[in-house]
């Protein structure tokens, strides 16, 4: 039983549920400046703040990407 729990905790730890600015820039292959322009123009979902840093739920980004793919 303990081995199963350890495996489950490791699996969920390997998949982050949020992205920071660097993570989203890497995912979309854009610069930070381009990402901020996309946020300002509404092309990117608005982030939420954790302290002074911007974060996005991966679920929100995936939904946004699906909407973009289906409208293309």
N, C-alpha and C. Protein backbone atom coordinates (compact mmCIF):
# COMPACT_ATOMS: atom_id res chain seq x y z
N UNK A 1 0.83 -1.20 0.00
CA UNK A 1 0.00 0.00 0.00
C UNK A 1 0.87 1.26 0.00
N UNK A 2 1.90 1.31 0.83
CA UNK A 2 2.77 2.47 0.88
C UNK A 2 3.44 2.74 -0.45
N UNK A 3 3.85 1.69 -1.14
CA UNK A 3 4.49 1.86 -2.44
C UNK A 3 3.54 2.51 -3.43
N UNK A 4 2.26 2.12 -3.38
CA UNK A 4 1.26 2.72 -4.28
C UNK A 4 1.08 4.19 -3.97
N UNK A 5 1.02 4.54 -2.70
CA UNK A 5 0.86 5.94 -2.32
C UNK A 5 2.06 6.77 -2.76
N UNK A 6 3.26 6.23 -2.57
CA UNK A 6 4.46 6.94 -3.00
C UNK A 6 4.45 7.16 -4.50
N UNK A 7 4.03 6.15 -5.25
CA UNK A 7 3.99 6.27 -6.70
C UNK A 7 2.98 7.35 -7.11
N UNK A 8 1.82 7.38 -6.44
CA UNK A 8 0.80 8.38 -6.76
C UNK A 8 1.29 9.78 -6.43
N UNK A 9 1.94 9.95 -5.26
CA UNK A 9 2.41 11.29 -4.92
C UNK A 9 3.50 11.75 -5.86
N UNK A 10 4.35 10.83 -6.29
CA UNK A 10 5.40 11.20 -7.21
C UNK A 10 4.81 11.59 -8.55
N UNK A 11 3.82 10.87 -9.02
CA UNK A 11 3.20 11.18 -10.32
C UNK A 11 2.58 12.56 -10.31
N UNK A 12 1.85 12.88 -9.25
CA UNK A 12 1.21 14.19 -9.22
C UNK A 12 2.23 15.30 -9.02
N UNK A 13 3.34 15.01 -8.35
CA UNK A 13 4.38 16.03 -8.16
C UNK A 13 5.11 16.30 -9.47
N UNK A 14 5.18 15.31 -10.35
CA UNK A 14 5.89 15.48 -11.61
C UNK A 14 5.13 16.38 -12.57
N UNK A 15 3.83 16.47 -12.43
CA UNK A 15 3.00 17.29 -13.30
C UNK A 15 2.59 18.56 -12.56
N UNK A 16 3.20 19.70 -12.86
CA UNK A 16 2.78 20.92 -12.18
C UNK A 16 1.37 21.30 -12.62
N UNK A 17 0.61 21.89 -11.72
CA UNK A 17 -0.75 22.30 -12.07
C UNK A 17 -0.83 23.77 -12.44
N UNK A 18 0.29 24.48 -12.28
CA UNK A 18 0.34 25.90 -12.66
C UNK A 18 1.59 26.17 -13.48
N UNK A 19 1.52 27.21 -14.26
CA UNK A 19 2.68 27.68 -15.03
C UNK A 19 3.02 29.09 -14.60
N UNK A 20 4.30 29.39 -14.56
CA UNK A 20 4.72 30.77 -14.33
C UNK A 20 5.03 31.39 -15.70
N UNK A 21 5.49 32.61 -15.70
CA UNK A 21 5.77 33.32 -16.95
C UNK A 21 6.78 32.56 -17.80
N UNK A 22 7.86 32.11 -17.19
CA UNK A 22 8.88 31.37 -17.95
C UNK A 22 8.33 30.08 -18.53
N UNK A 23 7.51 29.38 -17.75
CA UNK A 23 6.92 28.13 -18.23
C UNK A 23 6.00 28.34 -19.41
N UNK A 24 5.18 29.39 -19.35
CA UNK A 24 4.25 29.66 -20.45
C UNK A 24 5.01 30.16 -21.68
N UNK A 25 6.03 30.98 -21.47
CA UNK A 25 6.86 31.43 -22.60
C UNK A 25 7.52 30.24 -23.29
N UNK A 26 8.01 29.30 -22.51
CA UNK A 26 8.63 28.10 -23.10
C UNK A 26 7.60 27.27 -23.85
N UNK A 27 6.44 27.10 -23.26
CA UNK A 27 5.38 26.29 -23.87
C UNK A 27 4.96 26.88 -25.21
N UNK A 28 4.81 28.19 -25.28
CA UNK A 28 4.34 28.85 -26.50
C UNK A 28 5.49 29.37 -27.37
N UNK A 29 6.72 29.24 -26.89
CA UNK A 29 7.90 29.70 -27.62
C UNK A 29 7.80 31.18 -28.00
N UNK A 30 7.52 31.99 -27.00
CA UNK A 30 7.47 33.44 -27.18
C UNK A 30 8.32 34.09 -26.10
N UNK A 31 8.67 35.34 -26.32
CA UNK A 31 9.42 36.09 -25.31
C UNK A 31 8.47 36.58 -24.22
N UNK A 32 9.04 37.02 -23.11
CA UNK A 32 8.22 37.57 -22.03
C UNK A 32 7.45 38.79 -22.52
N UNK A 33 8.11 39.63 -23.28
CA UNK A 33 7.46 40.85 -23.77
C UNK A 33 6.27 40.49 -24.66
N UNK A 34 6.44 39.50 -25.53
CA UNK A 34 5.34 39.07 -26.40
C UNK A 34 4.20 38.51 -25.56
N UNK A 35 4.52 37.73 -24.53
CA UNK A 35 3.48 37.18 -23.67
C UNK A 35 2.69 38.30 -23.01
N UNK A 36 3.38 39.31 -22.49
CA UNK A 36 2.67 40.42 -21.85
C UNK A 36 1.81 41.19 -22.86
N UNK A 37 2.27 41.32 -24.08
CA UNK A 37 1.45 41.95 -25.13
C UNK A 37 0.20 41.12 -25.39
N UNK A 38 0.37 39.78 -25.42
CA UNK A 38 -0.78 38.89 -25.64
C UNK A 38 -1.79 39.01 -24.50
N UNK A 39 -1.31 39.16 -23.28
CA UNK A 39 -2.20 39.35 -22.13
C UNK A 39 -2.96 40.66 -22.29
N UNK A 40 -2.24 41.73 -22.61
CA UNK A 40 -2.86 43.05 -22.75
C UNK A 40 -3.90 43.10 -23.86
N UNK A 41 -3.65 42.36 -24.95
CA UNK A 41 -4.57 42.38 -26.09
C UNK A 41 -5.71 41.37 -25.95
N UNK A 42 -5.66 40.51 -24.92
CA UNK A 42 -6.71 39.52 -24.73
C UNK A 42 -6.46 38.21 -25.46
N UNK A 43 -5.29 38.06 -26.09
CA UNK A 43 -4.96 36.83 -26.80
C UNK A 43 -4.54 35.72 -25.83
N UNK A 44 -4.30 36.06 -24.59
CA UNK A 44 -3.87 35.10 -23.57
C UNK A 44 -4.76 35.31 -22.35
N UNK A 45 -5.14 34.23 -21.68
CA UNK A 45 -5.94 34.39 -20.45
C UNK A 45 -5.18 35.22 -19.42
N UNK A 46 -5.93 35.97 -18.64
CA UNK A 46 -5.34 36.77 -17.57
C UNK A 46 -4.76 35.85 -16.50
N UNK A 47 -3.58 36.16 -16.01
CA UNK A 47 -2.98 35.35 -14.95
C UNK A 47 -3.60 35.69 -13.59
N UNK A 48 -3.34 34.84 -12.62
CA UNK A 48 -3.65 35.20 -11.24
C UNK A 48 -2.32 35.44 -10.54
N UNK A 49 -2.38 36.21 -9.49
CA UNK A 49 -1.15 36.59 -8.77
C UNK A 49 -0.91 35.68 -7.58
N UNK A 50 0.34 35.30 -7.41
CA UNK A 50 0.82 34.64 -6.20
C UNK A 50 1.94 35.54 -5.71
N UNK A 51 1.63 36.34 -4.71
CA UNK A 51 2.56 37.39 -4.31
C UNK A 51 2.65 38.39 -5.44
N UNK A 52 3.85 38.58 -5.96
CA UNK A 52 4.02 39.52 -7.08
C UNK A 52 4.22 38.80 -8.41
N UNK A 53 4.08 37.47 -8.41
CA UNK A 53 4.32 36.72 -9.64
C UNK A 53 3.01 36.30 -10.31
N UNK A 54 3.06 36.19 -11.63
CA UNK A 54 1.90 35.76 -12.41
C UNK A 54 1.92 34.25 -12.56
N UNK A 55 0.74 33.65 -12.46
CA UNK A 55 0.59 32.21 -12.63
C UNK A 55 -0.67 31.92 -13.45
N UNK A 56 -0.64 30.80 -14.15
CA UNK A 56 -1.80 30.32 -14.90
C UNK A 56 -2.04 28.87 -14.53
N UNK A 57 -3.29 28.50 -14.38
CA UNK A 57 -3.61 27.08 -14.21
C UNK A 57 -3.38 26.41 -15.55
N UNK A 58 -2.75 25.25 -15.53
CA UNK A 58 -2.52 24.52 -16.78
C UNK A 58 -3.85 24.22 -17.45
N UNK A 59 -4.86 23.90 -16.66
CA UNK A 59 -6.19 23.62 -17.20
C UNK A 59 -6.71 24.82 -18.02
N UNK A 60 -6.51 26.02 -17.52
CA UNK A 60 -6.95 27.23 -18.23
C UNK A 60 -6.20 27.39 -19.54
N UNK A 61 -4.89 27.14 -19.53
CA UNK A 61 -4.08 27.27 -20.75
C UNK A 61 -4.48 26.21 -21.76
N UNK A 62 -4.69 24.97 -21.30
CA UNK A 62 -5.10 23.90 -22.22
C UNK A 62 -6.45 24.20 -22.85
N UNK A 63 -7.40 24.72 -22.06
CA UNK A 63 -8.71 25.09 -22.61
C UNK A 63 -8.56 26.20 -23.65
N UNK A 64 -7.71 27.16 -23.36
CA UNK A 64 -7.47 28.26 -24.30
C UNK A 64 -6.87 27.73 -25.61
N UNK A 65 -5.91 26.83 -25.48
CA UNK A 65 -5.27 26.25 -26.67
C UNK A 65 -6.28 25.44 -27.49
N UNK A 66 -7.17 24.72 -26.81
CA UNK A 66 -8.21 23.95 -27.52
C UNK A 66 -9.16 24.88 -28.28
N UNK A 67 -9.54 26.00 -27.63
CA UNK A 67 -10.41 26.99 -28.32
C UNK A 67 -9.73 27.54 -29.56
N UNK A 68 -8.43 27.84 -29.44
CA UNK A 68 -7.69 28.37 -30.58
C UNK A 68 -7.62 27.34 -31.70
N UNK A 69 -7.38 26.08 -31.35
CA UNK A 69 -7.25 25.02 -32.34
C UNK A 69 -8.59 24.76 -33.05
N UNK A 70 -9.68 24.83 -32.31
CA UNK A 70 -10.98 24.55 -32.91
C UNK A 70 -11.48 25.71 -33.77
N UNK A 71 -11.00 26.91 -33.51
CA UNK A 71 -11.43 28.06 -34.32
C UNK A 71 -10.58 28.25 -35.56
N UNK A 72 -9.47 27.53 -35.66
CA UNK A 72 -8.57 27.68 -36.81
C UNK A 72 -9.03 26.88 -38.01
